[in-house]
Amino acid sequence: MALIKLNNQSISAVDVGKVGQVVANHITTQTSSSSSSFADVGGSETTIVTTATTSKVLLHISLSARKFNNMYLALDLYRKIGSGSYSKIRDFENGFLFTNSTATNTGRFAVSFLDEPASADTIKYKMQFNSGPNGASVVINPDAQETSSIILEEVLA
């Protein structure tokens, strides 16, 4: 007899999902922009090969950034399945590190996101960023000791 019950089932009978694989990308590339056009975060492309069409991908993203002057950082997530093209799947931030001053700010942006690609294929993710509307500079991984990361977990159904 099981000691723990959930929905009147023993805990071993409950389907809670399992992690099939983990892929970690530690990004050390310093990337800067002073444009309102989006550009790739250097070194952010991270690849996972899902094993089933029912698999989900849990992304953990952590970016170190510095902004100069009265501006902000905007960040988007892109996905490419197989030999297809990249498409934007999420706007994460539009206003990160904003201050209404000329101060220089450094910070870390961290977020988790559950993607449901519905594909058993090679899936690539990458980040793009811009520096907002006024042309001030934003730097990803601003110091030699700063790193960012993207960690992908395949969650099996």
N, C-alpha and C. Protein backbone atom coordinates (compact mmCIF):
# COMPACT_ATOMS: atom_id res chain seq x y z
N MET A 1 0.84 -1.18 0.00
CA MET A 1 0.00 0.00 0.00
C MET A 1 0.89 1.25 0.00
N ALA A 2 0.62 2.17 -0.90
CA ALA A 2 1.39 3.41 -0.99
C ALA A 2 0.99 4.35 0.13
N LEU A 3 1.97 5.05 0.66
CA LEU A 3 1.70 6.01 1.72
C LEU A 3 1.22 7.35 1.17
N ILE A 4 1.62 7.68 -0.05
CA ILE A 4 1.25 8.96 -0.65
C ILE A 4 0.21 8.70 -1.73
N LYS A 5 -0.89 9.48 -1.68
CA LYS A 5 -1.94 9.35 -2.68
C LYS A 5 -2.14 10.69 -3.37
N LEU A 6 -2.34 10.64 -4.68
CA LEU A 6 -2.62 11.83 -5.47
C LEU A 6 -3.72 11.45 -6.44
N ASN A 7 -4.83 12.12 -6.38
CA ASN A 7 -5.99 11.77 -7.20
C ASN A 7 -6.35 10.29 -7.03
N ASN A 8 -6.23 9.82 -5.80
CA ASN A 8 -6.57 8.45 -5.43
C ASN A 8 -5.72 7.41 -6.15
N GLN A 9 -4.49 7.75 -6.51
CA GLN A 9 -3.55 6.82 -7.12
C GLN A 9 -2.26 6.85 -6.31
N SER A 10 -1.54 5.76 -6.33
CA SER A 10 -0.23 5.79 -5.69
C SER A 10 0.68 6.71 -6.51
N ILE A 11 1.66 7.28 -5.86
CA ILE A 11 2.53 8.25 -6.53
C ILE A 11 3.26 7.63 -7.72
N SER A 12 3.52 6.34 -7.71
CA SER A 12 4.20 5.69 -8.83
C SER A 12 3.31 5.58 -10.06
N ALA A 13 2.00 5.71 -9.90
CA ALA A 13 1.07 5.60 -11.03
C ALA A 13 0.76 6.95 -11.66
N VAL A 14 1.23 8.04 -11.08
CA VAL A 14 0.94 9.38 -11.58
C VAL A 14 1.98 9.76 -12.63
N ASP A 15 1.50 10.21 -13.80
CA ASP A 15 2.39 10.64 -14.88
C ASP A 15 2.79 12.09 -14.65
N VAL A 16 4.04 12.33 -14.26
CA VAL A 16 4.49 13.68 -13.97
C VAL A 16 5.49 14.20 -15.01
N GLY A 17 5.76 13.42 -16.04
CA GLY A 17 6.74 13.84 -17.05
C GLY A 17 8.15 13.56 -16.58
N LYS A 18 9.03 13.38 -17.51
CA LYS A 18 10.41 13.06 -17.21
C LYS A 18 11.31 13.90 -18.11
N VAL A 19 12.49 14.21 -17.61
CA VAL A 19 13.46 14.93 -18.42
C VAL A 19 14.24 13.92 -19.24
N GLY A 20 14.17 14.06 -20.57
CA GLY A 20 14.85 13.14 -21.46
C GLY A 20 16.31 13.49 -21.66
N GLN A 21 16.62 14.79 -21.73
CA GLN A 21 18.00 15.24 -21.94
C GLN A 21 18.11 16.70 -21.55
N VAL A 22 19.33 17.11 -21.28
CA VAL A 22 19.62 18.50 -20.94
C VAL A 22 20.79 18.96 -21.79
N VAL A 23 20.64 20.14 -22.39
CA VAL A 23 21.71 20.75 -23.19
C VAL A 23 21.99 22.13 -22.59
N ALA A 24 23.25 22.38 -22.26
CA ALA A 24 23.64 23.66 -21.67
C ALA A 24 24.59 24.40 -22.60
N ASN A 25 24.32 25.68 -22.80
CA ASN A 25 25.18 26.54 -23.61
C ASN A 25 25.59 27.73 -22.75
N HIS A 26 26.85 27.78 -22.37
CA HIS A 26 27.37 28.90 -21.59
C HIS A 26 27.98 29.89 -22.57
N ILE A 27 27.36 31.04 -22.65
CA ILE A 27 27.70 32.05 -23.66
C ILE A 27 28.73 33.01 -23.08
N THR A 28 29.89 33.05 -23.72
CA THR A 28 30.96 33.94 -23.26
C THR A 28 31.22 35.08 -24.24
N THR A 29 30.60 35.02 -25.41
CA THR A 29 30.81 36.04 -26.43
C THR A 29 30.24 37.38 -25.98
N GLN A 30 31.03 38.43 -26.11
CA GLN A 30 30.53 39.77 -25.82
C GLN A 30 29.92 40.33 -27.10
N THR A 31 28.67 40.78 -27.01
CA THR A 31 27.96 41.32 -28.16
C THR A 31 27.41 42.69 -27.78
N SER A 32 27.58 43.67 -28.65
CA SER A 32 27.06 45.00 -28.35
C SER A 32 26.25 45.52 -29.54
N SER A 33 25.36 46.46 -29.22
CA SER A 33 24.55 47.07 -30.26
C SER A 33 24.13 48.47 -29.81
N SER A 34 24.06 49.36 -30.76
CA SER A 34 23.49 50.69 -30.49
C SER A 34 22.40 50.97 -31.53
N SER A 35 21.76 49.90 -31.98
CA SER A 35 20.75 50.00 -33.02
C SER A 35 19.39 49.58 -32.48
N SER A 36 18.34 50.14 -33.05
CA SER A 36 17.00 49.69 -32.69
C SER A 36 16.59 48.46 -33.49
N SER A 37 17.44 48.04 -34.43
CA SER A 37 17.21 46.79 -35.17
C SER A 37 17.70 45.62 -34.33
N PHE A 38 16.97 44.52 -34.39
CA PHE A 38 17.36 43.35 -33.60
C PHE A 38 18.56 42.66 -34.23
N ALA A 39 19.46 42.15 -33.37
CA ALA A 39 20.64 41.41 -33.79
C ALA A 39 20.81 40.19 -32.90
N ASP A 40 21.48 39.16 -33.43
CA ASP A 40 21.71 37.95 -32.65
C ASP A 40 22.58 38.23 -31.43
N VAL A 41 22.24 37.58 -30.33
CA VAL A 41 23.14 37.53 -29.18
C VAL A 41 24.22 36.53 -29.57
N GLY A 42 25.46 36.99 -29.70
CA GLY A 42 26.55 36.14 -30.17
C GLY A 42 26.72 34.89 -29.33
N GLY A 43 26.79 33.74 -30.00
CA GLY A 43 26.99 32.47 -29.31
C GLY A 43 25.75 31.89 -28.68
N SER A 44 24.57 32.49 -28.92
CA SER A 44 23.36 32.02 -28.22
C SER A 44 22.67 30.84 -28.90
N GLU A 45 23.03 30.52 -30.14
CA GLU A 45 22.34 29.41 -30.81
C GLU A 45 22.60 28.11 -30.05
N THR A 46 21.52 27.45 -29.65
CA THR A 46 21.60 26.24 -28.85
C THR A 46 20.69 25.19 -29.48
N THR A 47 21.21 23.96 -29.63
CA THR A 47 20.52 22.91 -30.37
C THR A 47 20.16 21.74 -29.47
N ILE A 48 18.95 21.23 -29.68
CA ILE A 48 18.50 20.01 -29.02
C ILE A 48 17.80 19.16 -30.07
N VAL A 49 17.91 17.85 -29.97
CA VAL A 49 17.21 16.95 -30.88
C VAL A 49 16.14 16.24 -30.06
N THR A 50 14.89 16.63 -30.27
CA THR A 50 13.81 16.02 -29.49
C THR A 50 13.54 14.61 -29.99
N THR A 51 13.07 13.76 -29.09
CA THR A 51 12.90 12.35 -29.41
C THR A 51 11.47 11.96 -29.74
N ALA A 52 10.51 12.86 -29.52
CA ALA A 52 9.10 12.54 -29.80
C ALA A 52 8.35 13.82 -30.13
N THR A 53 7.29 13.69 -30.91
CA THR A 53 6.47 14.86 -31.26
C THR A 53 5.71 15.40 -30.06
N THR A 54 5.59 14.58 -29.02
CA THR A 54 4.89 15.01 -27.80
C THR A 54 5.83 15.68 -26.80
N SER A 55 7.12 15.70 -27.10
CA SER A 55 8.09 16.32 -26.19
C SER A 55 7.91 17.83 -26.15
N LYS A 56 8.18 18.39 -24.99
CA LYS A 56 8.22 19.84 -24.82
C LYS A 56 9.67 20.20 -24.51
N VAL A 57 10.00 21.46 -24.67
CA VAL A 57 11.34 21.92 -24.36
C VAL A 57 11.22 23.06 -23.34
N LEU A 58 11.83 22.83 -22.19
CA LEU A 58 11.87 23.85 -21.14
C LEU A 58 13.18 24.60 -21.28
N LEU A 59 13.08 25.91 -21.52
CA LEU A 59 14.26 26.76 -21.70
C LEU A 59 14.48 27.57 -20.43
N HIS A 60 15.73 27.63 -20.00
CA HIS A 60 16.15 28.50 -18.90
C HIS A 60 17.18 29.45 -19.49
N ILE A 61 16.86 30.73 -19.49
CA ILE A 61 17.71 31.73 -20.14
C ILE A 61 18.19 32.72 -19.08
N SER A 62 19.47 32.99 -19.09
CA SER A 62 20.06 33.97 -18.18
C SER A 62 21.04 34.82 -18.98
N LEU A 63 20.78 36.12 -19.06
CA LEU A 63 21.65 37.03 -19.81
C LEU A 63 22.18 38.13 -18.91
N SER A 64 23.47 38.36 -18.99
CA SER A 64 24.09 39.48 -18.31
C SER A 64 24.19 40.63 -19.31
N ALA A 65 23.78 41.83 -18.90
CA ALA A 65 23.76 42.95 -19.84
C ALA A 65 24.10 44.26 -19.15
N ARG A 66 24.59 45.21 -19.96
CA ARG A 66 24.85 46.56 -19.48
C ARG A 66 24.29 47.53 -20.51
N LYS A 67 23.65 48.57 -20.02
CA LYS A 67 23.13 49.59 -20.92
C LYS A 67 23.70 50.94 -20.53
N PHE A 68 23.81 51.80 -21.52
CA PHE A 68 24.36 53.13 -21.32
C PHE A 68 23.29 54.15 -21.73
N ASN A 69 23.21 55.22 -20.97
CA ASN A 69 22.30 56.32 -21.26
C ASN A 69 20.84 55.95 -21.03
N ASN A 70 19.97 56.82 -21.45
CA ASN A 70 18.54 56.69 -21.21
C ASN A 70 17.91 55.78 -22.26
N MET A 71 18.04 54.49 -22.08
CA MET A 71 17.51 53.52 -23.04
C MET A 71 17.20 52.22 -22.34
N TYR A 72 16.88 51.19 -23.09
CA TYR A 72 16.53 49.90 -22.51
C TYR A 72 16.95 48.78 -23.46
N LEU A 73 16.84 47.57 -22.97
CA LEU A 73 17.15 46.37 -23.74
C LEU A 73 15.84 45.65 -24.08
N ALA A 74 15.68 45.27 -25.32
CA ALA A 74 14.55 44.43 -25.75
C ALA A 74 15.11 43.08 -26.19
N LEU A 75 14.40 42.00 -25.88
CA LEU A 75 14.92 40.65 -26.09
C LEU A 75 13.84 39.76 -26.69
N ASP A 76 14.20 39.01 -27.75
CA ASP A 76 13.27 38.08 -28.42
C ASP A 76 13.90 36.70 -28.50
N LEU A 77 13.04 35.67 -28.51
CA LEU A 77 13.47 34.28 -28.65
C LEU A 77 13.02 33.76 -30.01
N TYR A 78 13.95 33.11 -30.72
CA TYR A 78 13.66 32.54 -32.03
C TYR A 78 13.89 31.03 -32.00
N ARG A 79 13.13 30.31 -32.85
CA ARG A 79 13.24 28.85 -32.95
C ARG A 79 13.29 28.45 -34.41
N LYS A 80 14.12 27.42 -34.69
CA LYS A 80 14.21 26.84 -36.02
C LYS A 80 14.05 25.33 -35.87
N ILE A 81 13.11 24.74 -36.62
CA ILE A 81 12.88 23.30 -36.58
C ILE A 81 13.41 22.69 -37.87
N GLY A 82 14.31 21.69 -37.71
CA GLY A 82 14.87 21.01 -38.87
C GLY A 82 15.56 21.98 -39.80
N SER A 83 15.27 21.85 -41.10
CA SER A 83 15.91 22.72 -42.10
C SER A 83 15.09 23.97 -42.38
N GLY A 84 14.07 24.22 -41.56
CA GLY A 84 13.23 25.41 -41.75
C GLY A 84 13.96 26.69 -41.40
N SER A 85 13.23 27.77 -41.37
CA SER A 85 13.79 29.09 -41.05
C SER A 85 13.51 29.43 -39.60
N TYR A 86 14.29 30.37 -39.08
CA TYR A 86 14.03 30.87 -37.73
C TYR A 86 12.74 31.68 -37.73
N SER A 87 11.96 31.52 -36.67
CA SER A 87 10.78 32.36 -36.47
C SER A 87 10.72 32.79 -35.02
N LYS A 88 10.24 34.00 -34.79
CA LYS A 88 10.14 34.52 -33.43
C LYS A 88 9.01 33.80 -32.72
N ILE A 89 9.30 33.27 -31.53
CA ILE A 89 8.25 32.59 -30.77
C ILE A 89 7.91 33.30 -29.47
N ARG A 90 8.74 34.29 -29.08
CA ARG A 90 8.43 34.97 -27.82
C ARG A 90 9.16 36.30 -27.73
N ASP A 91 8.43 37.35 -27.32
CA ASP A 91 9.02 38.62 -26.89
C ASP A 91 9.19 38.50 -25.38
N PHE A 92 10.43 38.55 -24.91
CA PHE A 92 10.64 38.41 -23.47
C PHE A 92 10.65 39.72 -22.73
N GLU A 93 11.28 40.72 -23.28
CA GLU A 93 11.46 41.93 -22.50
C GLU A 93 11.53 43.13 -23.42
N ASN A 94 10.86 44.15 -23.02
CA ASN A 94 10.96 45.42 -23.72
C ASN A 94 10.99 46.49 -22.64
N GLY A 95 12.15 46.78 -22.16
CA GLY A 95 12.31 47.76 -21.10
C GLY A 95 13.26 47.29 -20.02
N PHE A 96 13.95 46.18 -20.22
CA PHE A 96 14.90 45.68 -19.23
C PHE A 96 16.02 46.69 -19.03
N LEU A 97 16.36 46.94 -17.78
CA LEU A 97 17.40 47.89 -17.36
C LEU A 97 17.05 49.35 -17.64
N PHE A 98 15.78 49.66 -17.88
CA PHE A 98 15.41 51.04 -18.18
C PHE A 98 15.58 51.93 -16.96
N THR A 99 16.16 53.07 -17.16
CA THR A 99 16.15 54.16 -16.19
C THR A 99 16.00 55.45 -16.97
N ASN A 100 15.40 56.40 -16.37
CA ASN A 100 15.19 57.69 -17.02
C ASN A 100 16.35 58.62 -16.66
N SER A 101 17.55 58.14 -16.96
CA SER A 101 18.74 58.94 -16.65
C SER A 101 19.87 58.50 -17.57
N THR A 102 20.99 59.16 -17.44
CA THR A 102 22.16 58.79 -18.24
C THR A 102 23.03 57.77 -17.52
N ALA A 103 22.53 57.20 -16.44
CA ALA A 103 23.31 56.23 -15.66
C ALA A 103 23.59 54.97 -16.47
N THR A 104 24.71 54.35 -16.16
CA THR A 104 25.06 53.05 -16.73
C THR A 104 24.54 51.98 -15.77
N ASN A 105 23.78 51.04 -16.29
CA ASN A 105 23.22 49.98 -15.46
C ASN A 105 23.66 48.62 -15.96
N THR A 106 23.99 47.74 -15.03
CA THR A 106 24.32 46.36 -15.36
C THR A 106 23.35 45.47 -14.60
N GLY A 107 22.87 44.41 -15.25
CA GLY A 107 21.93 43.52 -14.59
C GLY A 107 21.89 42.17 -15.27
N ARG A 108 21.13 41.28 -14.67
CA ARG A 108 20.97 39.93 -15.20
C ARG A 108 19.47 39.70 -15.43
N PHE A 109 19.16 39.25 -16.62
CA PHE A 109 17.79 38.91 -17.00
C PHE A 109 17.69 37.39 -16.99
N ALA A 110 16.75 36.83 -16.24
CA ALA A 110 16.58 35.38 -16.17
C ALA A 110 15.11 35.03 -16.34
N VAL A 111 14.85 34.03 -17.17
CA VAL A 111 13.47 33.62 -17.42
C VAL A 111 13.46 32.14 -17.81
N SER A 112 12.36 31.47 -17.52
CA SER A 112 12.13 30.10 -18.00
C SER A 112 10.91 30.13 -18.89
N PHE A 113 10.92 29.29 -19.91
CA PHE A 113 9.84 29.28 -20.90
C PHE A 113 9.63 27.85 -21.38
N LEU A 114 8.39 27.38 -21.41
CA LEU A 114 8.07 26.04 -21.89
C LEU A 114 7.58 26.12 -23.33
N ASP A 115 8.33 25.52 -24.23
CA ASP A 115 8.00 25.51 -25.65
C ASP A 115 7.41 24.15 -26.01
N GLU A 116 6.43 24.16 -26.92
CA GLU A 116 5.80 22.93 -27.40
C GLU A 116 5.97 22.86 -28.92
N PRO A 117 7.13 22.40 -29.39
CA PRO A 117 7.41 22.43 -30.83
C PRO A 117 6.65 21.38 -31.65
N ALA A 118 6.08 20.35 -31.02
CA ALA A 118 5.33 19.29 -31.73
C ALA A 118 6.14 18.68 -32.86
N SER A 119 7.41 18.38 -32.58
CA SER A 119 8.29 17.85 -33.62
C SER A 119 9.38 16.99 -32.99
N ALA A 120 9.65 15.85 -33.60
CA ALA A 120 10.80 15.03 -33.22
C ALA A 120 11.87 15.32 -34.26
N ASP A 121 12.68 16.34 -33.99
CA ASP A 121 13.62 16.83 -34.99
C ASP A 121 14.70 17.65 -34.29
N THR A 122 15.63 18.16 -35.06
CA THR A 122 16.63 19.08 -34.55
C THR A 122 15.98 20.44 -34.37
N ILE A 123 16.07 20.98 -33.17
CA ILE A 123 15.46 22.28 -32.88
C ILE A 123 16.56 23.21 -32.37
N LYS A 124 16.63 24.38 -32.99
CA LYS A 124 17.63 25.38 -32.61
C LYS A 124 16.90 26.59 -32.05
N TYR A 125 17.48 27.14 -30.99
CA TYR A 125 16.97 28.35 -30.38
C TYR A 125 18.08 29.39 -30.38
N LYS A 126 17.70 30.66 -30.50
CA LYS A 126 18.67 31.74 -30.36
C LYS A 126 17.95 32.98 -29.85
N MET A 127 18.73 33.89 -29.29
CA MET A 127 18.20 35.13 -28.77
C MET A 127 18.61 36.28 -29.68
N GLN A 128 17.73 37.27 -29.80
CA GLN A 128 18.07 38.53 -30.47
C GLN A 128 17.74 39.67 -29.52
N PHE A 129 18.48 40.78 -29.66
CA PHE A 129 18.27 41.93 -28.79
C PHE A 129 18.44 43.21 -29.58
N ASN A 130 17.93 44.29 -29.00
CA ASN A 130 18.22 45.62 -29.55
C ASN A 130 18.38 46.60 -28.40
N SER A 131 18.74 47.80 -28.74
CA SER A 131 19.04 48.80 -27.70
C SER A 131 17.97 49.86 -27.57
N GLY A 132 16.77 49.57 -28.01
CA GLY A 132 15.72 50.57 -27.86
C GLY A 132 15.82 51.67 -28.90
N PRO A 133 15.03 52.71 -28.74
CA PRO A 133 14.85 53.69 -29.81
C PRO A 133 15.89 54.80 -29.91
N ASN A 134 16.76 54.99 -28.92
CA ASN A 134 17.55 56.22 -28.97
C ASN A 134 19.02 56.03 -29.36
N GLY A 135 19.42 54.84 -29.76
CA GLY A 135 20.77 54.65 -30.26
C GLY A 135 21.86 54.55 -29.22
N ALA A 136 21.50 54.43 -27.95
CA ALA A 136 22.53 54.23 -26.93
C ALA A 136 23.00 52.78 -26.99
N SER A 137 24.07 52.48 -26.31
CA SER A 137 24.69 51.16 -26.43
C SER A 137 24.19 50.18 -25.37
N VAL A 138 24.05 48.91 -25.80
CA VAL A 138 23.76 47.78 -24.91
C VAL A 138 24.84 46.73 -25.16
N VAL A 139 25.33 46.11 -24.10
CA VAL A 139 26.36 45.08 -24.22
C VAL A 139 25.89 43.83 -23.49
N ILE A 140 25.94 42.69 -24.17
CA ILE A 140 25.68 41.38 -23.55
C ILE A 140 27.03 40.84 -23.10
N ASN A 141 27.11 40.30 -21.90
CA ASN A 141 28.36 39.84 -21.29
C ASN A 141 29.38 40.98 -21.27
N PRO A 142 29.09 42.06 -20.53
CA PRO A 142 29.90 43.27 -20.62
C PRO A 142 31.32 43.15 -20.06
N ASP A 143 31.56 42.24 -19.15
CA ASP A 143 32.89 42.08 -18.57
C ASP A 143 33.39 40.67 -18.84
N ALA A 144 34.70 40.51 -18.81
CA ALA A 144 35.30 39.20 -19.11
C ALA A 144 34.79 38.11 -18.19
N GLN A 145 34.44 38.43 -16.95
CA GLN A 145 33.97 37.41 -16.02
C GLN A 145 32.47 37.13 -16.15
N GLU A 146 31.76 37.93 -16.91
CA GLU A 146 30.32 37.75 -17.08
C GLU A 146 30.03 36.70 -18.14
N THR A 147 29.09 35.82 -17.88
CA THR A 147 28.62 34.87 -18.89
C THR A 147 27.11 34.83 -18.84
N SER A 148 26.54 34.40 -19.92
CA SER A 148 25.11 34.18 -20.03
C SER A 148 24.91 32.71 -20.35
N SER A 149 23.67 32.24 -20.30
CA SER A 149 23.45 30.83 -20.60
C SER A 149 22.05 30.57 -21.12
N ILE A 150 21.96 29.51 -21.90
CA ILE A 150 20.68 28.95 -22.32
C ILE A 150 20.77 27.47 -22.00
N ILE A 151 19.83 26.98 -21.21
CA ILE A 151 19.76 25.57 -20.85
C ILE A 151 18.44 25.04 -21.38
N LEU A 152 18.52 23.94 -22.15
CA LEU A 152 17.34 23.32 -22.74
C LEU A 152 17.12 21.96 -22.07
N GLU A 153 15.87 21.68 -21.69
CA GLU A 153 15.51 20.38 -21.13
C GLU A 153 14.38 19.80 -21.98
N GLU A 154 14.58 18.61 -22.50
CA GLU A 154 13.49 17.92 -23.18
C GLU A 154 12.61 17.28 -22.13
N VAL A 155 11.34 17.67 -22.11
CA VAL A 155 10.38 17.12 -21.17
C VAL A 155 9.53 16.10 -21.93
N LEU A 156 9.66 14.84 -21.54
CA LEU A 156 8.94 13.76 -22.21
C LEU A 156 7.52 13.69 -21.70
N ALA A 157 6.61 13.33 -22.60
CA ALA A 157 5.18 13.25 -22.21
C ALA A 157 4.94 12.00 -21.36
